[in-house]
Amino acid sequence: MSKELVALRGRALEETSNEAIARERELRELQVELEHCRIQRDEWEREALEGRVKLDEAKTTAENLKRDLRLRDS
């Protein structure tokens, strides 16, 4: 009975150890995925900012052209 108890404890310890290793591996994979998502988010934010700048520039150009047309027609 004592040997059986030792064997059960050994298996339980091994299973716990294997689970811990699996959880650590999963955690590392999720951290890599999270960092990849952060990089993508930063890229999307940069592209959105560039788009806003281009839109503002286009609006300014359109306003300047309208003003020039009004002045020319006056």
PDB file of N, CA and C in Angstrom:
ATOM      1  N   MET A   1       0.829  -1.192   0.000  1.00  0.00           N
ATOM      2  CA  MET A   1       0.000   0.000   0.000  1.00  0.00           C
ATOM      3  C   MET A   1       0.873   1.255   0.000  1.00  0.00           C
ATOM      4  N   SER A   2       1.951   1.195   0.729  1.00  0.00           N
ATOM      5  CA  SER A   2       2.866   2.331   0.784  1.00  0.00           C
ATOM      6  C   SER A   2       3.494   2.590  -0.579  1.00  0.00           C
ATOM      7  N   LYS A   3       3.884   1.503  -1.267  1.00  0.00           N
ATOM      8  CA  LYS A   3       4.467   1.645  -2.600  1.00  0.00           C
ATOM      9  C   LYS A   3       3.452   2.227  -3.573  1.00  0.00           C
ATOM     10  N   GLU A   4       2.220   1.774  -3.430  1.00  0.00           N
ATOM     11  CA  GLU A   4       1.157   2.272  -4.288  1.00  0.00           C
ATOM     12  C   GLU A   4       0.937   3.766  -4.064  1.00  0.00           C
ATOM     13  N   LEU A   5       0.960   4.193  -2.821  1.00  0.00           N
ATOM     14  CA  LEU A   5       0.805   5.607  -2.487  1.00  0.00           C
ATOM     15  C   LEU A   5       1.949   6.424  -3.080  1.00  0.00           C
ATOM     16  N   VAL A   6       3.158   5.946  -2.964  1.00  0.00           N
ATOM     17  CA  VAL A   6       4.321   6.625  -3.534  1.00  0.00           C
ATOM     18  C   VAL A   6       4.171   6.723  -5.047  1.00  0.00           C
ATOM     19  N   ALA A   7       3.727   5.630  -5.674  1.00  0.00           N
ATOM     20  CA  ALA A   7       3.530   5.634  -7.124  1.00  0.00           C
ATOM     21  C   ALA A   7       2.451   6.634  -7.529  1.00  0.00           C
ATOM     22  N   LEU A   8       1.345   6.661  -6.790  1.00  0.00           N
ATOM     23  CA  LEU A   8       0.264   7.622  -7.083  1.00  0.00           C
ATOM     24  C   LEU A   8       0.750   9.053  -6.932  1.00  0.00           C
ATOM     25  N   ARG A   9       1.497   9.315  -5.879  1.00  0.00           N
ATOM     26  CA  ARG A   9       2.037  10.673  -5.681  1.00  0.00           C
ATOM     27  C   ARG A   9       2.992  11.039  -6.823  1.00  0.00           C
ATOM     28  N   GLY A  10       3.801  10.091  -7.237  1.00  0.00           N
ATOM     29  CA  GLY A  10       4.735  10.332  -8.344  1.00  0.00           C
ATOM     30  C   GLY A  10       4.006  10.664  -9.631  1.00  0.00           C
ATOM     31  N   ARG A  11       2.965   9.891  -9.919  1.00  0.00           N
ATOM     32  CA  ARG A  11       2.173  10.171 -11.130  1.00  0.00           C
ATOM     33  C   ARG A  11       1.475  11.522 -11.040  1.00  0.00           C
ATOM     34  N   ALA A  12       0.944  11.814  -9.873  1.00  0.00           N
ATOM     35  CA  ALA A  12       0.259  13.102  -9.686  1.00  0.00           C
ATOM     36  C   ALA A  12       1.250  14.249  -9.872  1.00  0.00           C
ATOM     37  N   LEU A  13       2.445  14.104  -9.334  1.00  0.00           N
ATOM     38  CA  LEU A  13       3.471  15.143  -9.482  1.00  0.00           C
ATOM     39  C   LEU A  13       3.871  15.289 -10.939  1.00  0.00           C
ATOM     40  N   GLU A  14       4.029  14.169 -11.626  1.00  0.00           N
ATOM     41  CA  GLU A  14       4.402  14.208 -13.046  1.00  0.00           C
ATOM     42  C   GLU A  14       3.311  14.874 -13.880  1.00  0.00           C
ATOM     43  N   GLU A  15       2.047  14.515 -13.601  1.00  0.00           N
ATOM     44  CA  GLU A  15       0.930  15.124 -14.333  1.00  0.00           C
ATOM     45  C   GLU A  15       0.864  16.620 -14.074  1.00  0.00           C
ATOM     46  N   THR A  16       1.062  17.015 -12.836  1.00  0.00           N
ATOM     47  CA  THR A  16       1.054  18.438 -12.488  1.00  0.00           C
ATOM     48  C   THR A  16       2.194  19.158 -13.198  1.00  0.00           C
ATOM     49  N   SER A  17       3.342  18.530 -13.221  1.00  0.00           N
ATOM     50  CA  SER A  17       4.498  19.113 -13.896  1.00  0.00           C
ATOM     51  C   SER A  17       4.239  19.254 -15.393  1.00  0.00           C
ATOM     52  N   ASN A  18       3.670  18.214 -16.001  1.00  0.00           N
ATOM     53  CA  ASN A  18       3.353  18.270 -17.431  1.00  0.00           C
ATOM     54  C   ASN A  18       2.323  19.348 -17.724  1.00  0.00           C
ATOM     55  N   GLU A  19       1.336  19.483 -16.854  1.00  0.00           N
ATOM     56  CA  GLU A  19       0.329  20.528 -17.031  1.00  0.00           C
ATOM     57  C   GLU A  19       0.970  21.905 -16.930  1.00  0.00           C
ATOM     58  N   ALA A  20       1.873  22.072 -15.977  1.00  0.00           N
ATOM     59  CA  ALA A  20       2.549  23.360 -15.813  1.00  0.00           C
ATOM     60  C   ALA A  20       3.370  23.697 -17.051  1.00  0.00           C
ATOM     61  N   ILE A  21       4.053  22.709 -17.590  1.00  0.00           N
ATOM     62  CA  ILE A  21       4.842  22.928 -18.813  1.00  0.00           C
ATOM     63  C   ILE A  21       3.931  23.309 -19.971  1.00  0.00           C
ATOM     64  N   ALA A  22       2.817  22.612 -20.092  1.00  0.00           N
ATOM     65  CA  ALA A  22       1.863  22.918 -21.163  1.00  0.00           C
ATOM     66  C   ALA A  22       1.292  24.321 -21.003  1.00  0.00           C
ATOM     67  N   ARG A  23       0.976  24.707 -19.779  1.00  0.00           N
ATOM     68  CA  ARG A  23       0.432  26.053 -19.527  1.00  0.00           C
ATOM     69  C   ARG A  23       1.474  27.131 -19.826  1.00  0.00           C
ATOM     70  N   GLU A  24       2.715  26.870 -19.477  1.00  0.00           N
ATOM     71  CA  GLU A  24       3.787  27.832 -19.772  1.00  0.00           C
ATOM     72  C   GLU A  24       3.963  27.996 -21.278  1.00  0.00           C
ATOM     73  N   ARG A  25       3.909  26.886 -22.003  1.00  0.00           N
ATOM     74  CA  ARG A  25       4.029  26.928 -23.464  1.00  0.00           C
ATOM     75  C   ARG A  25       2.861  27.729 -24.055  1.00  0.00           C
ATOM     76  N   GLU A  26       1.663  27.450 -23.557  1.00  0.00           N
ATOM     77  CA  GLU A  26       0.474  28.169 -24.039  1.00  0.00           C
ATOM     78  C   GLU A  26       0.583  29.655 -23.733  1.00  0.00           C
ATOM     79  N   LEU A  27       1.073  29.981 -22.550  1.00  0.00           N
ATOM     80  CA  LEU A  27       1.241  31.379 -22.170  1.00  0.00           C
ATOM     81  C   LEU A  27       2.215  32.079 -23.106  1.00  0.00           C
ATOM     82  N   ARG A  28       3.334  31.433 -23.407  1.00  0.00           N
ATOM     83  CA  ARG A  28       4.311  32.032 -24.330  1.00  0.00           C
ATOM     84  C   ARG A  28       3.706  32.253 -25.712  1.00  0.00           C
ATOM     85  N   GLU A  29       2.942  31.263 -26.196  1.00  0.00           N
ATOM     86  CA  GLU A  29       2.294  31.405 -27.497  1.00  0.00           C
ATOM     87  C   GLU A  29       1.305  32.568 -27.499  1.00  0.00           C
ATOM     88  N   LEU A  30       0.550  32.692 -26.418  1.00  0.00           N
ATOM     89  CA  LEU A  30      -0.419  33.790 -26.329  1.00  0.00           C
ATOM     90  C   LEU A  30       0.278  35.141 -26.227  1.00  0.00           C
ATOM     91  N   GLN A  31       1.415  35.193 -25.550  1.00  0.00           N
ATOM     92  CA  GLN A  31       2.168  36.442 -25.457  1.00  0.00           C
ATOM     93  C   GLN A  31       2.690  36.855 -26.831  1.00  0.00           C
ATOM     94  N   VAL A  32       3.150  35.888 -27.610  1.00  0.00           N
ATOM     95  CA  VAL A  32       3.618  36.180 -28.972  1.00  0.00           C
ATOM     96  C   VAL A  32       2.453  36.695 -29.817  1.00  0.00           C
ATOM     97  N   GLU A  33       1.308  36.036 -29.700  1.00  0.00           N
ATOM     98  CA  GLU A  33       0.130  36.464 -30.455  1.00  0.00           C
ATOM     99  C   GLU A  33      -0.308  37.865 -30.033  1.00  0.00           C
ATOM    100  N   LEU A  34      -0.272  38.142 -28.735  1.00  0.00           N
ATOM    101  CA  LEU A  34      -0.636  39.467 -28.240  1.00  0.00           C
ATOM    102  C   LEU A  34       0.301  40.529 -28.795  1.00  0.00           C
ATOM    103  N   GLU A  35       1.587  40.258 -28.805  1.00  0.00           N
ATOM    104  CA  GLU A  35       2.554  41.224 -29.343  1.00  0.00           C
ATOM    105  C   GLU A  35       2.306  41.442 -30.832  1.00  0.00           C
ATOM    106  N   HIS A  36       1.972  40.382 -31.549  1.00  0.00           N
ATOM    107  CA  HIS A  36       1.655  40.512 -32.973  1.00  0.00           C
ATOM    108  C   HIS A  36       0.420  41.409 -33.163  1.00  0.00           C
ATOM    109  N   CYS A  37      -0.589  41.215 -32.326  1.00  0.00           N
ATOM    110  CA  CYS A  37      -1.795  42.054 -32.395  1.00  0.00           C
ATOM    111  C   CYS A  37      -1.480  43.509 -32.077  1.00  0.00           C
ATOM    112  N   ARG A  38      -0.613  43.733 -31.108  1.00  0.00           N
ATOM    113  CA  ARG A  38      -0.219  45.105 -30.772  1.00  0.00           C
ATOM    114  C   ARG A  38       0.490  45.771 -31.944  1.00  0.00           C
ATOM    115  N   ILE A  39       1.365  45.021 -32.604  1.00  0.00           N
ATOM    116  CA  ILE A  39       2.081  45.565 -33.765  1.00  0.00           C
ATOM    117  C   ILE A  39       1.092  45.909 -34.875  1.00  0.00           C
ATOM    118  N   GLN A  40       0.145  45.008 -35.132  1.00  0.00           N
ATOM    119  CA  GLN A  40      -0.875  45.285 -36.146  1.00  0.00           C
ATOM    120  C   GLN A  40      -1.699  46.515 -35.778  1.00  0.00           C
ATOM    121  N   ARG A  41      -2.096  46.621 -34.514  1.00  0.00           N
ATOM    122  CA  ARG A  41      -2.881  47.772 -34.067  1.00  0.00           C
ATOM    123  C   ARG A  41      -2.109  49.068 -34.288  1.00  0.00           C
ATOM    124  N   ASP A  42      -0.832  49.055 -33.923  1.00  0.00           N
ATOM    125  CA  ASP A  42      -0.009  50.248 -34.118  1.00  0.00           C
ATOM    126  C   ASP A  42       0.082  50.630 -35.590  1.00  0.00           C
ATOM    127  N   GLU A  43       0.199  49.625 -36.450  1.00  0.00           N
ATOM    128  CA  GLU A  43       0.270  49.882 -37.893  1.00  0.00           C
ATOM    129  C   GLU A  43      -1.048  50.470 -38.396  1.00  0.00           C
ATOM    130  N   TRP A  44      -2.179  49.903 -37.939  1.00  0.00           N
ATOM    131  CA  TRP A  44      -3.480  50.434 -38.345  1.00  0.00           C
ATOM    132  C   TRP A  44      -3.669  51.870 -37.856  1.00  0.00           C
ATOM    133  N   GLU A  45      -3.232  52.145 -36.635  1.00  0.00           N
ATOM    134  CA  GLU A  45      -3.354  53.501 -36.105  1.00  0.00           C
ATOM    135  C   GLU A  45      -2.498  54.478 -36.915  1.00  0.00           C
ATOM    136  N   ARG A  46      -1.289  54.031 -37.301  1.00  0.00           N
ATOM    137  CA  ARG A  46      -0.420  54.880 -38.113  1.00  0.00           C
ATOM    138  C   ARG A  46      -1.066  55.161 -39.465  1.00  0.00           C
ATOM    139  N   GLU A  47      -1.621  54.117 -40.088  1.00  0.00           N
ATOM    140  CA  GLU A  47      -2.278  54.290 -41.377  1.00  0.00           C
ATOM    141  C   GLU A  47      -3.497  55.201 -41.262  1.00  0.00           C
ATOM    142  N   ALA A  48      -4.252  55.065 -40.185  1.00  0.00           N
ATOM    143  CA  ALA A  48      -5.427  55.921 -39.975  1.00  0.00           C
ATOM    144  C   ALA A  48      -4.996  57.374 -39.813  1.00  0.00           C
ATOM    145  N   LEU A  49      -3.917  57.610 -39.078  1.00  0.00           N
ATOM    146  CA  LEU A  49      -3.413  58.970 -38.898  1.00  0.00           C
ATOM    147  C   LEU A  49      -2.949  59.554 -40.228  1.00  0.00           C
ATOM    148  N   GLU A  50      -2.245  58.743 -41.017  1.00  0.00           N
ATOM    149  CA  GLU A  50      -1.819  59.211 -42.338  1.00  0.00           C
ATOM    150  C   GLU A  50      -3.022  59.545 -43.203  1.00  0.00           C
ATOM    151  N   GLY A  51      -4.058  58.723 -43.120  1.00  0.00           N
ATOM    152  CA  GLY A  51      -5.278  58.980 -43.881  1.00  0.00           C
ATOM    153  C   GLY A  51      -5.940  60.280 -43.460  1.00  0.00           C
ATOM    154  N   ARG A  52      -5.965  60.543 -42.158  1.00  0.00           N
ATOM    155  CA  ARG A  52      -6.559  61.796 -41.670  1.00  0.00           C
ATOM    156  C   ARG A  52      -5.761  63.001 -42.163  1.00  0.00           C
ATOM    157  N   VAL A  53      -4.437  62.876 -42.146  1.00  0.00           N
ATOM    158  CA  VAL A  53      -3.580  63.974 -42.611  1.00  0.00           C
ATOM    159  C   VAL A  53      -3.841  64.236 -44.093  1.00  0.00           C
ATOM    160  N   LYS A  54      -3.914  63.174 -44.900  1.00  0.00           N
ATOM    161  CA  LYS A  54      -4.174  63.339 -46.335  1.00  0.00           C
ATOM    162  C   LYS A  54      -5.553  63.955 -46.571  1.00  0.00           C
ATOM    163  N   LEU A  55      -6.531  63.529 -45.777  1.00  0.00           N
ATOM    164  CA  LEU A  55      -7.872  64.097 -45.908  1.00  0.00           C
ATOM    165  C   LEU A  55      -7.857  65.586 -45.582  1.00  0.00           C
ATOM    166  N   ASP A  56      -7.185  65.957 -44.501  1.00  0.00           N
ATOM    167  CA  ASP A  56      -7.087  67.373 -44.139  1.00  0.00           C
ATOM    168  C   ASP A  56      -6.388  68.177 -45.224  1.00  0.00           C
ATOM    169  N   GLU A  57      -5.328  67.595 -45.797  1.00  0.00           N
ATOM    170  CA  GLU A  57      -4.623  68.286 -46.876  1.00  0.00           C
ATOM    171  C   GLU A  57      -5.524  68.459 -48.091  1.00  0.00           C
ATOM    172  N   ALA A  58      -6.314  67.431 -48.423  1.00  0.00           N
ATOM    173  CA  ALA A  58      -7.227  67.510 -49.558  1.00  0.00           C
ATOM    174  C   ALA A  58      -8.312  68.554 -49.304  1.00  0.00           C
ATOM    175  N   LYS A  59      -8.820  68.626 -48.084  1.00  0.00           N
ATOM    176  CA  LYS A  59      -9.827  69.639 -47.755  1.00  0.00           C
ATOM    177  C   LYS A  59      -9.247  71.038 -47.886  1.00  0.00           C
ATOM    178  N   THR A  60      -8.030  71.208 -47.391  1.00  0.00           N
ATOM    179  CA  THR A  60      -7.377  72.516 -47.480  1.00  0.00           C
ATOM    180  C   THR A  60      -7.158  72.904 -48.937  1.00  0.00           C
ATOM    181  N   THR A  61      -6.711  71.947 -49.748  1.00  0.00           N
ATOM    182  CA  THR A  61      -6.499  72.221 -51.171  1.00  0.00           C
ATOM    183  C   THR A  61      -7.818  72.586 -51.840  1.00  0.00           C
ATOM    184  N   ALA A  62      -8.888  71.859 -51.525  1.00  0.00           N
ATOM    185  CA  ALA A  62     -10.197  72.152 -52.113  1.00  0.00           C
ATOM    186  C   ALA A  62     -10.670  73.540 -51.695  1.00  0.00           C
ATOM    187  N   GLU A  63     -10.492  73.889 -50.427  1.00  0.00           N
ATOM    188  CA  GLU A  63     -10.893  75.219 -49.967  1.00  0.00           C
ATOM    189  C   GLU A  63     -10.088  76.304 -50.668  1.00  0.00           C
ATOM    190  N   ASN A  64      -8.803  76.095 -50.840  1.00  0.00           N
ATOM    191  CA  ASN A  64      -7.950  77.070 -51.528  1.00  0.00           C
ATOM    192  C   ASN A  64      -8.368  77.226 -52.983  1.00  0.00           C
ATOM    193  N   LEU A  65      -8.688  76.123 -53.643  1.00  0.00           N
ATOM    194  CA  LEU A  65      -9.121  76.191 -55.037  1.00  0.00           C
ATOM    195  C   LEU A  65     -10.459  76.918 -55.153  1.00  0.00           C
ATOM    196  N   LYS A  66     -11.387  76.652 -54.235  1.00  0.00           N
ATOM    197  CA  LYS A  66     -12.670  77.361 -54.244  1.00  0.00           C
ATOM    198  C   LYS A  66     -12.465  78.853 -54.057  1.00  0.00           C
ATOM    199  N   ARG A  67     -11.587  79.195 -53.100  1.00  0.00           N
ATOM    200  CA  ARG A  67     -11.301  80.616 -52.861  1.00  0.00           C
ATOM    201  C   ARG A  67     -10.684  81.250 -54.105  1.00  0.00           C
ATOM    202  N   ASP A  68      -9.743  80.559 -54.741  1.00  0.00           N
ATOM    203  CA  ASP A  68      -9.126  81.098 -55.952  1.00  0.00           C
ATOM    204  C   ASP A  68     -10.151  81.286 -57.072  1.00  0.00           C
ATOM    205  N   LEU A  69     -11.084  80.339 -57.179  1.00  0.00           N
ATOM    206  CA  LEU A  69     -12.125  80.467 -58.205  1.00  0.00           C
ATOM    207  C   LEU A  69     -13.031  81.662 -57.917  1.00  0.00           C
ATOM    208  N   ARG A  70     -13.393  81.829 -56.632  1.00  0.00           N
ATOM    209  CA  ARG A  70     -14.243  82.976 -56.264  1.00  0.00           C
ATOM    210  C   ARG A  70     -13.517  84.292 -56.551  1.00  0.00           C
ATOM    211  N   LEU A  71     -12.249  84.346 -56.243  1.00  0.00           N
ATOM    212  CA  LEU A  71     -11.486  85.578 -56.476  1.00  0.00           C
ATOM    213  C   LEU A  71     -11.352  85.842 -57.977  1.00  0.00           C
ATOM    214  N   ARG A  72     -11.161  84.808 -58.773  1.00  0.00           N
ATOM    215  CA  ARG A  72     -11.020  84.948 -60.200  1.00  0.00           C
ATOM    216  C   ARG A  72     -12.318  85.400 -60.852  1.00  0.00           C
ATOM    217  N   ASP A  73     -13.430  84.890 -60.312  1.00  0.00           N
ATOM    218  CA  ASP A  73     -14.742  85.242 -60.875  1.00  0.00           C
ATOM    219  C   ASP A  73     -15.225  86.617 -60.423  1.00  0.00           C
ATOM    220  N   SER A  74     -14.564  87.171 -59.423  1.00  0.00           N
ATOM    221  CA  SER A  74     -15.011  88.462 -58.900  1.00  0.00           C
ATOM    222  C   SER A  74     -14.625  89.614 -59.766  1.00  0.00           C
TER     223      SER A  74
END
